[in-house]
Amino acid sequence: MIQLSEGQVWEFRARGGEKHALVKIQKIELHPDDGDEVFHISMIGLRCLHGTELPHAPVSRQTLENSITRLAQDFGQFPDYRVGLAEWRRAKGGVFSISLAEIIQIGDIDHS
């Protein structure tokens, strides 16, 4: 089991063209329904239809452990995740169990 903690910034297996993408563990808490760990993350260095960052995504430990590669040396500027976290709590949201690259791909779909 990888030691994960709030504030860590990791390199991860991103999509092609996103070799400088980083993920930050913003907050760790237990899900109110099942007590499983929820990792609230932000990602930067993306190449998406809607920008270069994802302010908030709730993910499982398995998602992080299967996606991260090494602790980053450059921490970058991450967006504020708190609005997304508040919306997630209000909606009693779920948790992603797919890879970080797949989460980015889902967010990259043009919903217009």
PDB file of N, CA and C in Angstrom:
ATOM      1  N   MET A   1       0.856  -1.173   0.000  1.00  0.00           N
ATOM      2  CA  MET A   1       0.000   0.000   0.000  1.00  0.00           C
ATOM      3  C   MET A   1       0.908   1.244   0.000  1.00  0.00           C
ATOM      4  N   ILE A   2       0.631   2.152  -0.897  1.00  0.00           N
ATOM      5  CA  ILE A   2       1.404   3.393  -1.023  1.00  0.00           C
ATOM      6  C   ILE A   2       0.954   4.368   0.064  1.00  0.00           C
ATOM      7  N   GLN A   3       1.920   5.050   0.682  1.00  0.00           N
ATOM      8  CA  GLN A   3       1.604   6.071   1.685  1.00  0.00           C
ATOM      9  C   GLN A   3       1.083   7.315   0.963  1.00  0.00           C
ATOM     10  N   LEU A   4      -0.177   7.629   1.136  1.00  0.00           N
ATOM     11  CA  LEU A   4      -0.804   8.793   0.502  1.00  0.00           C
ATOM     12  C   LEU A   4      -1.246   9.771   1.573  1.00  0.00           C
ATOM     13  N   SER A   5      -0.996  11.055   1.337  1.00  0.00           N
ATOM     14  CA  SER A   5      -1.412  12.063   2.313  1.00  0.00           C
ATOM     15  C   SER A   5      -1.797  13.365   1.615  1.00  0.00           C
ATOM     16  N   GLU A   6      -2.574  14.150   2.328  1.00  0.00           N
ATOM     17  CA  GLU A   6      -3.025  15.435   1.809  1.00  0.00           C
ATOM     18  C   GLU A   6      -1.827  16.320   1.489  1.00  0.00           C
ATOM     19  N   GLY A   7      -1.916  17.011   0.370  1.00  0.00           N
ATOM     20  CA  GLY A   7      -0.862  17.928  -0.039  1.00  0.00           C
ATOM     21  C   GLY A   7       0.169  17.315  -0.970  1.00  0.00           C
ATOM     22  N   GLN A   8       0.203  15.994  -1.070  1.00  0.00           N
ATOM     23  CA  GLN A   8       1.156  15.371  -1.983  1.00  0.00           C
ATOM     24  C   GLN A   8       0.809  15.687  -3.436  1.00  0.00           C
ATOM     25  N   VAL A   9       1.846  15.882  -4.253  1.00  0.00           N
ATOM     26  CA  VAL A   9       1.688  16.093  -5.690  1.00  0.00           C
ATOM     27  C   VAL A   9       2.428  14.947  -6.386  1.00  0.00           C
ATOM     28  N   TRP A  10       1.731  14.291  -7.305  1.00  0.00           N
ATOM     29  CA  TRP A  10       2.257  13.113  -7.985  1.00  0.00           C
ATOM     30  C   TRP A  10       2.237  13.292  -9.500  1.00  0.00           C
ATOM     31  N   GLU A  11       3.187  12.665 -10.149  1.00  0.00           N
ATOM     32  CA  GLU A  11       3.101  12.435 -11.593  1.00  0.00           C
ATOM     33  C   GLU A  11       2.214  11.207 -11.755  1.00  0.00           C
ATOM     34  N   PHE A  12       1.545  11.111 -12.912  1.00  0.00           N
ATOM     35  CA  PHE A  12       0.651   9.969 -13.109  1.00  0.00           C
ATOM     36  C   PHE A  12       0.592   9.575 -14.578  1.00  0.00           C
ATOM     37  N   ARG A  13       0.042   8.393 -14.826  1.00  0.00           N
ATOM     38  CA  ARG A  13      -0.128   7.896 -16.188  1.00  0.00           C
ATOM     39  C   ARG A  13      -1.275   8.663 -16.840  1.00  0.00           C
ATOM     40  N   ALA A  14      -0.898   9.686 -17.592  1.00  0.00           N
ATOM     41  CA  ALA A  14      -1.901  10.531 -18.253  1.00  0.00           C
ATOM     42  C   ALA A  14      -2.052  10.084 -19.710  1.00  0.00           C
ATOM     43  N   ARG A  15      -2.839  10.817 -20.432  1.00  0.00           N
ATOM     44  CA  ARG A  15      -3.024  10.533 -21.853  1.00  0.00           C
ATOM     45  C   ARG A  15      -1.831  11.061 -22.632  1.00  0.00           C
ATOM     46  N   GLY A  16      -1.666  10.611 -23.858  1.00  0.00           N
ATOM     47  CA  GLY A  16      -0.602  11.127 -24.712  1.00  0.00           C
ATOM     48  C   GLY A  16      -0.700  12.638 -24.831  1.00  0.00           C
ATOM     49  N   GLY A  17       0.434  13.310 -24.822  1.00  0.00           N
ATOM     50  CA  GLY A  17       0.436  14.764 -24.919  1.00  0.00           C
ATOM     51  C   GLY A  17       0.272  15.472 -23.588  1.00  0.00           C
ATOM     52  N   GLU A  18       0.155  14.703 -22.517  1.00  0.00           N
ATOM     53  CA  GLU A  18      -0.010  15.294 -21.185  1.00  0.00           C
ATOM     54  C   GLU A  18       1.119  14.828 -20.258  1.00  0.00           C
ATOM     55  N   LYS A  19       2.343  14.805 -20.800  1.00  0.00           N
ATOM     56  CA  LYS A  19       3.456  14.241 -20.042  1.00  0.00           C
ATOM     57  C   LYS A  19       3.842  15.081 -18.823  1.00  0.00           C
ATOM     58  N   HIS A  20       3.369  16.310 -18.730  1.00  0.00           N
ATOM     59  CA  HIS A  20       3.668  17.151 -17.569  1.00  0.00           C
ATOM     60  C   HIS A  20       2.467  17.277 -16.621  1.00  0.00           C
ATOM     61  N   ALA A  21       1.486  16.413 -16.804  1.00  0.00           N
ATOM     62  CA  ALA A  21       0.301  16.458 -15.948  1.00  0.00           C
ATOM     63  C   ALA A  21       0.656  16.032 -14.519  1.00  0.00           C
ATOM     64  N   LEU A  22       0.027  16.686 -13.563  1.00  0.00           N
ATOM     65  CA  LEU A  22       0.235  16.393 -12.148  1.00  0.00           C
ATOM     66  C   LEU A  22      -1.105  16.257 -11.443  1.00  0.00           C
ATOM     67  N   VAL A  23      -1.119  15.488 -10.376  1.00  0.00           N
ATOM     68  CA  VAL A  23      -2.308  15.338  -9.545  1.00  0.00           C
ATOM     69  C   VAL A  23      -1.924  15.675  -8.107  1.00  0.00           C
ATOM     70  N   LYS A  24      -2.818  16.400  -7.442  1.00  0.00           N
ATOM     71  CA  LYS A  24      -2.591  16.763  -6.034  1.00  0.00           C
ATOM     72  C   LYS A  24      -3.701  16.184  -5.174  1.00  0.00           C
ATOM     73  N   ILE A  25      -3.319  15.557  -4.092  1.00  0.00           N
ATOM     74  CA  ILE A  25      -4.298  15.072  -3.117  1.00  0.00           C
ATOM     75  C   ILE A  25      -4.668  16.264  -2.242  1.00  0.00           C
ATOM     76  N   GLN A  26      -5.873  16.763  -2.429  1.00  0.00           N
ATOM     77  CA  GLN A  26      -6.313  17.959  -1.703  1.00  0.00           C
ATOM     78  C   GLN A  26      -6.870  17.618  -0.323  1.00  0.00           C
ATOM     79  N   LYS A  27      -7.652  16.535  -0.266  1.00  0.00           N
ATOM     80  CA  LYS A  27      -8.302  16.177   1.005  1.00  0.00           C
ATOM     81  C   LYS A  27      -8.577  14.682   0.993  1.00  0.00           C
ATOM     82  N   ILE A  28      -8.442  14.068   2.158  1.00  0.00           N
ATOM     83  CA  ILE A  28      -8.783  12.657   2.331  1.00  0.00           C
ATOM     84  C   ILE A  28      -9.831  12.582   3.433  1.00  0.00           C
ATOM     85  N   GLU A  29     -10.899  11.858   3.138  1.00  0.00           N
ATOM     86  CA  GLU A  29     -11.936  11.676   4.158  1.00  0.00           C
ATOM     87  C   GLU A  29     -12.610  10.332   3.947  1.00  0.00           C
ATOM     88  N   LEU A  30     -13.468   9.967   4.872  1.00  0.00           N
ATOM     89  CA  LEU A  30     -14.226   8.733   4.746  1.00  0.00           C
ATOM     90  C   LEU A  30     -15.583   9.048   4.142  1.00  0.00           C
ATOM     91  N   HIS A  31     -16.001   8.202   3.205  1.00  0.00           N
ATOM     92  CA  HIS A  31     -17.310   8.396   2.565  1.00  0.00           C
ATOM     93  C   HIS A  31     -18.403   8.190   3.611  1.00  0.00           C
ATOM     94  N   PRO A  32     -19.378   9.098   3.657  1.00  0.00           N
ATOM     95  CA  PRO A  32     -20.416   8.999   4.689  1.00  0.00           C
ATOM     96  C   PRO A  32     -21.290   7.751   4.575  1.00  0.00           C
ATOM     97  N   ASP A  33     -21.388   7.171   3.380  1.00  0.00           N
ATOM     98  CA  ASP A  33     -22.260   6.000   3.206  1.00  0.00           C
ATOM     99  C   ASP A  33     -21.593   4.686   3.579  1.00  0.00           C
ATOM    100  N   ASP A  34     -20.350   4.482   3.139  1.00  0.00           N
ATOM    101  CA  ASP A  34     -19.730   3.176   3.342  1.00  0.00           C
ATOM    102  C   ASP A  34     -18.435   3.204   4.147  1.00  0.00           C
ATOM    103  N   GLY A  35     -17.957   4.396   4.497  1.00  0.00           N
ATOM    104  CA  GLY A  35     -16.750   4.505   5.303  1.00  0.00           C
ATOM    105  C   GLY A  35     -15.455   4.290   4.554  1.00  0.00           C
ATOM    106  N   ASP A  36     -15.516   4.090   3.236  1.00  0.00           N
ATOM    107  CA  ASP A  36     -14.300   3.933   2.434  1.00  0.00           C
ATOM    108  C   ASP A  36     -13.596   5.276   2.287  1.00  0.00           C
ATOM    109  N   GLU A  37     -12.278   5.226   2.101  1.00  0.00           N
ATOM    110  CA  GLU A  37     -11.512   6.445   1.882  1.00  0.00           C
ATOM    111  C   GLU A  37     -11.907   7.100   0.565  1.00  0.00           C
ATOM    112  N   VAL A  38     -12.017   8.421   0.592  1.00  0.00           N
ATOM    113  CA  VAL A  38     -12.247   9.219  -0.611  1.00  0.00           C
ATOM    114  C   VAL A  38     -11.093  10.207  -0.699  1.00  0.00           C
ATOM    115  N   PHE A  39     -10.462  10.243  -1.861  1.00  0.00           N
ATOM    116  CA  PHE A  39      -9.373  11.169  -2.112  1.00  0.00           C
ATOM    117  C   PHE A  39      -9.892  12.258  -3.040  1.00  0.00           C
ATOM    118  N   HIS A  40      -9.936  13.471  -2.542  1.00  0.00           N
ATOM    119  CA  HIS A  40     -10.380  14.608  -3.344  1.00  0.00           C
ATOM    120  C   HIS A  40      -9.130  15.184  -3.997  1.00  0.00           C
ATOM    121  N   ILE A  41      -9.099  15.134  -5.319  1.00  0.00           N
ATOM    122  CA  ILE A  41      -7.898  15.510  -6.060  1.00  0.00           C
ATOM    123  C   ILE A  41      -8.166  16.654  -7.025  1.00  0.00           C
ATOM    124  N   SER A  42      -7.083  17.278  -7.446  1.00  0.00           N
ATOM    125  CA  SER A  42      -7.085  18.245  -8.545  1.00  0.00           C
ATOM    126  C   SER A  42      -5.989  17.810  -9.503  1.00  0.00           C
ATOM    127  N   MET A  43      -6.173  18.116 -10.794  1.00  0.00           N
ATOM    128  CA  MET A  43      -5.165  17.791 -11.799  1.00  0.00           C
ATOM    129  C   MET A  43      -4.845  19.025 -12.633  1.00  0.00           C
ATOM    130  N   ILE A  44      -3.576  19.162 -13.012  1.00  0.00           N
ATOM    131  CA  ILE A  44      -3.129  20.245 -13.887  1.00  0.00           C
ATOM    132  C   ILE A  44      -2.255  19.674 -14.994  1.00  0.00           C
ATOM    133  N   GLY A  45      -1.993  20.506 -16.017  1.00  0.00           N
ATOM    134  CA  GLY A  45      -1.159  20.064 -17.135  1.00  0.00           C
ATOM    135  C   GLY A  45      -1.913  19.229 -18.146  1.00  0.00           C
ATOM    136  N   LEU A  46      -3.229  19.374 -18.177  1.00  0.00           N
ATOM    137  CA  LEU A  46      -4.071  18.591 -19.079  1.00  0.00           C
ATOM    138  C   LEU A  46      -4.233  19.301 -20.415  1.00  0.00           C
ATOM    139  N   ARG A  47      -4.644  18.560 -21.420  1.00  0.00           N
ATOM    140  CA  ARG A  47      -4.963  19.135 -22.735  1.00  0.00           C
ATOM    141  C   ARG A  47      -6.395  18.718 -23.060  1.00  0.00           C
ATOM    142  N   CYS A  48      -7.339  19.525 -22.576  1.00  0.00           N
ATOM    143  CA  CYS A  48      -8.756  19.193 -22.695  1.00  0.00           C
ATOM    144  C   CYS A  48      -9.504  20.244 -23.499  1.00  0.00           C
ATOM    145  N   LEU A  49     -10.699  19.877 -23.918  1.00  0.00           N
ATOM    146  CA  LEU A  49     -11.570  20.822 -24.617  1.00  0.00           C
ATOM    147  C   LEU A  49     -11.873  22.034 -23.743  1.00  0.00           C
ATOM    148  N   HIS A  50     -11.932  21.823 -22.433  1.00  0.00           N
ATOM    149  CA  HIS A  50     -12.390  22.866 -21.515  1.00  0.00           C
ATOM    150  C   HIS A  50     -11.276  23.437 -20.654  1.00  0.00           C
ATOM    151  N   GLY A  51     -10.021  23.253 -21.048  1.00  0.00           N
ATOM    152  CA  GLY A  51      -8.922  23.864 -20.302  1.00  0.00           C
ATOM    153  C   GLY A  51      -7.802  22.902 -19.968  1.00  0.00           C
ATOM    154  N   THR A  52      -6.960  23.341 -19.052  1.00  0.00           N
ATOM    155  CA  THR A  52      -5.763  22.577 -18.716  1.00  0.00           C
ATOM    156  C   THR A  52      -5.787  22.019 -17.297  1.00  0.00           C
ATOM    157  N   GLU A  53      -6.922  22.158 -16.618  1.00  0.00           N
ATOM    158  CA  GLU A  53      -6.991  21.674 -15.242  1.00  0.00           C
ATOM    159  C   GLU A  53      -8.357  21.094 -14.922  1.00  0.00           C
ATOM    160  N   LEU A  54      -8.369  20.242 -13.917  1.00  0.00           N
ATOM    161  CA  LEU A  54      -9.603  19.689 -13.362  1.00  0.00           C
ATOM    162  C   LEU A  54      -9.567  20.017 -11.871  1.00  0.00           C
ATOM    163  N   PRO A  55     -10.416  20.952 -11.420  1.00  0.00           N
ATOM    164  CA  PRO A  55     -10.334  21.422 -10.033  1.00  0.00           C
ATOM    165  C   PRO A  55     -10.658  20.360  -8.980  1.00  0.00           C
ATOM    166  N   HIS A  56     -11.605  19.457  -9.279  1.00  0.00           N
ATOM    167  CA  HIS A  56     -12.020  18.490  -8.247  1.00  0.00           C
ATOM    168  C   HIS A  56     -12.508  17.200  -8.877  1.00  0.00           C
ATOM    169  N   ALA A  57     -12.045  16.101  -8.314  1.00  0.00           N
ATOM    170  CA  ALA A  57     -12.590  14.783  -8.638  1.00  0.00           C
ATOM    171  C   ALA A  57     -12.424  13.909  -7.398  1.00  0.00           C
ATOM    172  N   PRO A  58     -13.484  13.218  -6.987  1.00  0.00           N
ATOM    173  CA  PRO A  58     -13.387  12.287  -5.865  1.00  0.00           C
ATOM    174  C   PRO A  58     -12.997  10.907  -6.398  1.00  0.00           C
ATOM    175  N   VAL A  59     -11.904  10.341  -5.883  1.00  0.00           N
ATOM    176  CA  VAL A  59     -11.422   9.060  -6.402  1.00  0.00           C
ATOM    177  C   VAL A  59     -11.135   8.099  -5.264  1.00  0.00           C
ATOM    178  N   SER A  60     -11.065   6.819  -5.625  1.00  0.00           N
ATOM    179  CA  SER A  60     -10.741   5.771  -4.655  1.00  0.00           C
ATOM    180  C   SER A  60      -9.224   5.640  -4.494  1.00  0.00           C
ATOM    181  N   ARG A  61      -8.819   4.990  -3.429  1.00  0.00           N
ATOM    182  CA  ARG A  61      -7.402   4.689  -3.231  1.00  0.00           C
ATOM    183  C   ARG A  61      -6.874   3.873  -4.404  1.00  0.00           C
ATOM    184  N   GLN A  62      -7.640   2.888  -4.847  1.00  0.00           N
ATOM    185  CA  GLN A  62      -7.202   2.040  -5.958  1.00  0.00           C
ATOM    186  C   GLN A  62      -6.952   2.860  -7.220  1.00  0.00           C
ATOM    187  N   THR A  63      -7.816   3.831  -7.498  1.00  0.00           N
ATOM    188  CA  THR A  63      -7.617   4.705  -8.662  1.00  0.00           C
ATOM    189  C   THR A  63      -6.263   5.403  -8.567  1.00  0.00           C
ATOM    190  N   LEU A  64      -5.967   5.977  -7.418  1.00  0.00           N
ATOM    191  CA  LEU A  64      -4.687   6.672  -7.256  1.00  0.00           C
ATOM    192  C   LEU A  64      -3.513   5.703  -7.354  1.00  0.00           C
ATOM    193  N   GLU A  65      -3.577   4.608  -6.611  1.00  0.00           N
ATOM    194  CA  GLU A  65      -2.458   3.675  -6.601  1.00  0.00           C
ATOM    195  C   GLU A  65      -2.182   3.090  -7.989  1.00  0.00           C
ATOM    196  N   ASN A  66      -3.217   2.923  -8.793  1.00  0.00           N
ATOM    197  CA  ASN A  66      -3.039   2.372 -10.142  1.00  0.00           C
ATOM    198  C   ASN A  66      -2.624   3.428 -11.165  1.00  0.00           C
ATOM    199  N   SER A  67      -2.710   4.705 -10.813  1.00  0.00           N
ATOM    200  CA  SER A  67      -2.434   5.782 -11.777  1.00  0.00           C
ATOM    201  C   SER A  67      -1.144   6.542 -11.502  1.00  0.00           C
ATOM    202  N   ILE A  68      -0.795   6.737 -10.232  1.00  0.00           N
ATOM    203  CA  ILE A  68       0.362   7.560  -9.911  1.00  0.00           C
ATOM    204  C   ILE A  68       1.664   6.808 -10.196  1.00  0.00           C
ATOM    205  N   THR A  69       2.710   7.577 -10.531  1.00  0.00           N
ATOM    206  CA  THR A  69       3.993   6.957 -10.847  1.00  0.00           C
ATOM    207  C   THR A  69       5.096   7.351  -9.870  1.00  0.00           C
ATOM    208  N   ARG A  70       5.181   8.625  -9.507  1.00  0.00           N
ATOM    209  CA  ARG A  70       6.182   9.061  -8.537  1.00  0.00           C
ATOM    210  C   ARG A  70       5.816  10.441  -8.009  1.00  0.00           C
ATOM    211  N   LEU A  71       6.331  10.732  -6.822  1.00  0.00           N
ATOM    212  CA  LEU A  71       6.127  12.062  -6.250  1.00  0.00           C
ATOM    213  C   LEU A  71       6.782  13.095  -7.148  1.00  0.00           C
ATOM    214  N   ALA A  72       6.109  14.213  -7.344  1.00  0.00           N
ATOM    215  CA  ALA A  72       6.592  15.255  -8.243  1.00  0.00           C
ATOM    216  C   ALA A  72       7.631  16.127  -7.555  1.00  0.00           C
ATOM    217  N   GLN A  73       8.557  16.628  -8.335  1.00  0.00           N
ATOM    218  CA  GLN A  73       9.548  17.576  -7.845  1.00  0.00           C
ATOM    219  C   GLN A  73       9.051  19.006  -8.018  1.00  0.00           C
ATOM    220  N   ASP A  74       8.205  19.224  -9.037  1.00  0.00           N
ATOM    221  CA  ASP A  74       7.613  20.538  -9.323  1.00  0.00           C
ATOM    222  C   ASP A  74       6.151  20.466  -8.915  1.00  0.00           C
ATOM    223  N   PHE A  75       5.732  21.357  -8.019  1.00  0.00           N
ATOM    224  CA  PHE A  75       4.377  21.251  -7.492  1.00  0.00           C
ATOM    225  C   PHE A  75       3.320  21.987  -8.295  1.00  0.00           C
ATOM    226  N   GLY A  76       3.688  22.974  -9.102  1.00  0.00           N
ATOM    227  CA  GLY A  76       2.721  23.676  -9.934  1.00  0.00           C
ATOM    228  C   GLY A  76       1.697  24.455  -9.126  1.00  0.00           C
ATOM    229  N   GLN A  77       0.827  25.150  -9.846  1.00  0.00           N
ATOM    230  CA  GLN A  77      -0.270  25.931  -9.259  1.00  0.00           C
ATOM    231  C   GLN A  77      -1.557  25.161  -9.498  1.00  0.00           C
ATOM    232  N   PHE A  78      -2.210  24.747  -8.433  1.00  0.00           N
ATOM    233  CA  PHE A  78      -3.442  23.967  -8.553  1.00  0.00           C
ATOM    234  C   PHE A  78      -4.658  24.849  -8.294  1.00  0.00           C
ATOM    235  N   PRO A  79      -5.771  24.529  -8.969  1.00  0.00           N
ATOM    236  CA  PRO A  79      -7.000  25.307  -8.757  1.00  0.00           C
ATOM    237  C   PRO A  79      -7.610  25.015  -7.391  1.00  0.00           C
ATOM    238  N   ASP A  80      -8.500  25.875  -6.973  1.00  0.00           N
ATOM    239  CA  ASP A  80      -9.228  25.702  -5.715  1.00  0.00           C
ATOM    240  C   ASP A  80     -10.245  24.571  -5.897  1.00  0.00           C
ATOM    241  N   TYR A  81     -10.154  23.569  -5.084  1.00  0.00           N
ATOM    242  CA  TYR A  81     -11.033  22.399  -5.172  1.00  0.00           C
ATOM    243  C   TYR A  81     -12.291  22.534  -4.318  1.00  0.00           C
ATOM    244  N   ARG A  82     -12.348  23.540  -3.456  1.00  0.00           N
ATOM    245  CA  ARG A  82     -13.390  23.586  -2.422  1.00  0.00           C
ATOM    246  C   ARG A  82     -14.813  23.727  -2.960  1.00  0.00           C
ATOM    247  N   VAL A  83     -15.009  24.422  -4.065  1.00  0.00           N
ATOM    248  CA  VAL A  83     -16.359  24.546  -4.644  1.00  0.00           C
ATOM    249  C   VAL A  83     -16.829  23.168  -5.113  1.00  0.00           C
ATOM    250  N   GLY A  84     -15.957  22.445  -5.804  1.00  0.00           N
ATOM    251  CA  GLY A  84     -16.309  21.102  -6.260  1.00  0.00           C
ATOM    252  C   GLY A  84     -16.576  20.152  -5.110  1.00  0.00           C
ATOM    253  N   LEU A  85     -15.788  20.256  -4.050  1.00  0.00           N
ATOM    254  CA  LEU A  85     -15.994  19.424  -2.867  1.00  0.00           C
ATOM    255  C   LEU A  85     -17.347  19.721  -2.239  1.00  0.00           C
ATOM    256  N   ALA A  86     -17.704  20.993  -2.126  1.00  0.00           N
ATOM    257  CA  ALA A  86     -18.998  21.370  -1.543  1.00  0.00           C
ATOM    258  C   ALA A  86     -20.155  20.839  -2.395  1.00  0.00           C
ATOM    259  N   GLU A  87     -20.017  20.932  -3.721  1.00  0.00           N
ATOM    260  CA  GLU A  87     -21.057  20.403  -4.607  1.00  0.00           C
ATOM    261  C   GLU A  87     -21.175  18.889  -4.460  1.00  0.00           C
ATOM    262  N   TRP A  88     -20.041  18.207  -4.358  1.00  0.00           N
ATOM    263  CA  TRP A  88     -20.026  16.751  -4.203  1.00  0.00           C
ATOM    264  C   TRP A  88     -20.748  16.352  -2.916  1.00  0.00           C
ATOM    265  N   ARG A  89     -20.454  17.064  -1.837  1.00  0.00           N
ATOM    266  CA  ARG A  89     -21.108  16.755  -0.555  1.00  0.00           C
ATOM    267  C   ARG A  89     -22.604  17.018  -0.623  1.00  0.00           C
ATOM    268  N   ARG A  90     -22.980  18.152  -1.218  1.00  0.00           N
ATOM    269  CA  ARG A  90     -24.394  18.515  -1.338  1.00  0.00           C
ATOM    270  C   ARG A  90     -25.161  17.467  -2.141  1.00  0.00           C
ATOM    271  N   ALA A  91     -24.530  16.967  -3.204  1.00  0.00           N
ATOM    272  CA  ALA A  91     -25.174  15.983  -4.077  1.00  0.00           C
ATOM    273  C   ALA A  91     -25.056  14.555  -3.545  1.00  0.00           C
ATOM    274  N   LYS A  92     -24.309  14.382  -2.448  1.00  0.00           N
ATOM    275  CA  LYS A  92     -24.034  13.040  -1.914  1.00  0.00           C
ATOM    276  C   LYS A  92     -23.454  12.170  -3.019  1.00  0.00           C
ATOM    277  N   GLY A  93     -22.404  12.716  -3.647  1.00  0.00           N
ATOM    278  CA  GLY A  93     -21.809  12.116  -4.835  1.00  0.00           C
ATOM    279  C   GLY A  93     -21.068  10.816  -4.584  1.00  0.00           C
ATOM    280  N   GLY A  94     -20.749  10.182  -5.687  1.00  0.00           N
ATOM    281  CA  GLY A  94     -20.012   8.931  -5.670  1.00  0.00           C
ATOM    282  C   GLY A  94     -18.520   9.173  -5.805  1.00  0.00           C
ATOM    283  N   VAL A  95     -17.815   8.078  -6.084  1.00  0.00           N
ATOM    284  CA  VAL A  95     -16.362   8.103  -6.159  1.00  0.00           C
ATOM    285  C   VAL A  95     -15.926   7.383  -7.428  1.00  0.00           C
ATOM    286  N   PHE A  96     -15.003   7.998  -8.178  1.00  0.00           N
ATOM    287  CA  PHE A  96     -14.470   7.353  -9.377  1.00  0.00           C
ATOM    288  C   PHE A  96     -13.573   6.180  -8.983  1.00  0.00           C
ATOM    289  N   SER A  97     -13.741   5.075  -9.695  1.00  0.00           N
ATOM    290  CA  SER A  97     -12.877   3.911  -9.488  1.00  0.00           C
ATOM    291  C   SER A  97     -12.131   3.554 -10.774  1.00  0.00           C
ATOM    292  N   ILE A  98     -12.187   4.439 -11.770  1.00  0.00           N
ATOM    293  CA  ILE A  98     -11.468   4.248 -13.033  1.00  0.00           C
ATOM    294  C   ILE A  98     -10.156   5.033 -12.974  1.00  0.00           C
ATOM    295  N   SER A  99      -9.304   4.868 -13.961  1.00  0.00           N
ATOM    296  CA  SER A  99      -8.006   5.543 -13.948  1.00  0.00           C
ATOM    297  C   SER A  99      -8.169   7.059 -14.086  1.00  0.00           C
ATOM    298  N   LEU A 100      -7.126   7.772 -13.672  1.00  0.00           N
ATOM    299  CA  LEU A 100      -7.148   9.227 -13.826  1.00  0.00           C
ATOM    300  C   LEU A 100      -7.248   9.616 -15.291  1.00  0.00           C
ATOM    301  N   ALA A 101      -6.562   8.896 -16.179  1.00  0.00           N
ATOM    302  CA  ALA A 101      -6.646   9.181 -17.616  1.00  0.00           C
ATOM    303  C   ALA A 101      -8.080   9.022 -18.122  1.00  0.00           C
ATOM    304  N   GLU A 102      -8.787   8.015 -17.628  1.00  0.00           N
ATOM    305  CA  GLU A 102     -10.183   7.815 -18.042  1.00  0.00           C
ATOM    306  C   GLU A 102     -11.088   8.926 -17.504  1.00  0.00           C
ATOM    307  N   ILE A 103     -10.815   9.406 -16.296  1.00  0.00           N
ATOM    308  CA  ILE A 103     -11.588  10.518 -15.744  1.00  0.00           C
ATOM    309  C   ILE A 103     -11.408  11.750 -16.623  1.00  0.00           C
ATOM    310  N   ILE A 104     -10.167  12.013 -17.034  1.00  0.00           N
ATOM    311  CA  ILE A 104      -9.897  13.154 -17.917  1.00  0.00           C
ATOM    312  C   ILE A 104     -10.660  12.987 -19.227  1.00  0.00           C
ATOM    313  N   GLN A 105     -10.655  11.780 -19.768  1.00  0.00           N
ATOM    314  CA  GLN A 105     -11.336  11.514 -21.032  1.00  0.00           C
ATOM    315  C   GLN A 105     -12.837  11.789 -20.917  1.00  0.00           C
ATOM    316  N   ILE A 106     -13.435  11.382 -19.826  1.00  0.00           N
ATOM    317  CA  ILE A 106     -14.866  11.630 -19.609  1.00  0.00           C
ATOM    318  C   ILE A 106     -15.130  13.141 -19.566  1.00  0.00           C
ATOM    319  N   GLY A 107     -14.276  13.873 -18.863  1.00  0.00           N
ATOM    320  CA  GLY A 107     -14.435  15.323 -18.758  1.00  0.00           C
ATOM    321  C   GLY A 107     -14.164  16.042 -20.064  1.00  0.00           C
ATOM    322  N   ASP A 108     -13.506  15.359 -20.993  1.00  0.00           N
ATOM    323  CA  ASP A 108     -13.131  15.961 -22.262  1.00  0.00           C
ATOM    324  C   ASP A 108     -14.223  15.820 -23.329  1.00  0.00           C
ATOM    325  N   ILE A 109     -15.293  15.122 -22.990  1.00  0.00           N
ATOM    326  CA  ILE A 109     -16.399  14.952 -23.933  1.00  0.00           C
ATOM    327  C   ILE A 109     -17.149  16.280 -24.037  1.00  0.00           C
ATOM    328  N   ASP A 110     -17.400  16.721 -25.247  1.00  0.00           N
ATOM    329  CA  ASP A 110     -18.111  17.974 -25.481  1.00  0.00           C
ATOM    330  C   ASP A 110     -19.594  17.739 -25.225  1.00  0.00           C
ATOM    331  N   HIS A 111     -20.128  18.329 -24.179  1.00  0.00           N
ATOM    332  CA  HIS A 111     -21.531  18.130 -23.785  1.00  0.00           C
ATOM    333  C   HIS A 111     -22.463  19.175 -24.359  1.00  0.00           C
ATOM    334  N   SER A 112     -21.997  19.957 -25.329  1.00  0.00           N
ATOM    335  CA  SER A 112     -22.844  21.031 -25.863  1.00  0.00           C
ATOM    336  C   SER A 112     -23.834  20.506 -26.886  1.00  0.00           C
TER     337      SER A 112
END
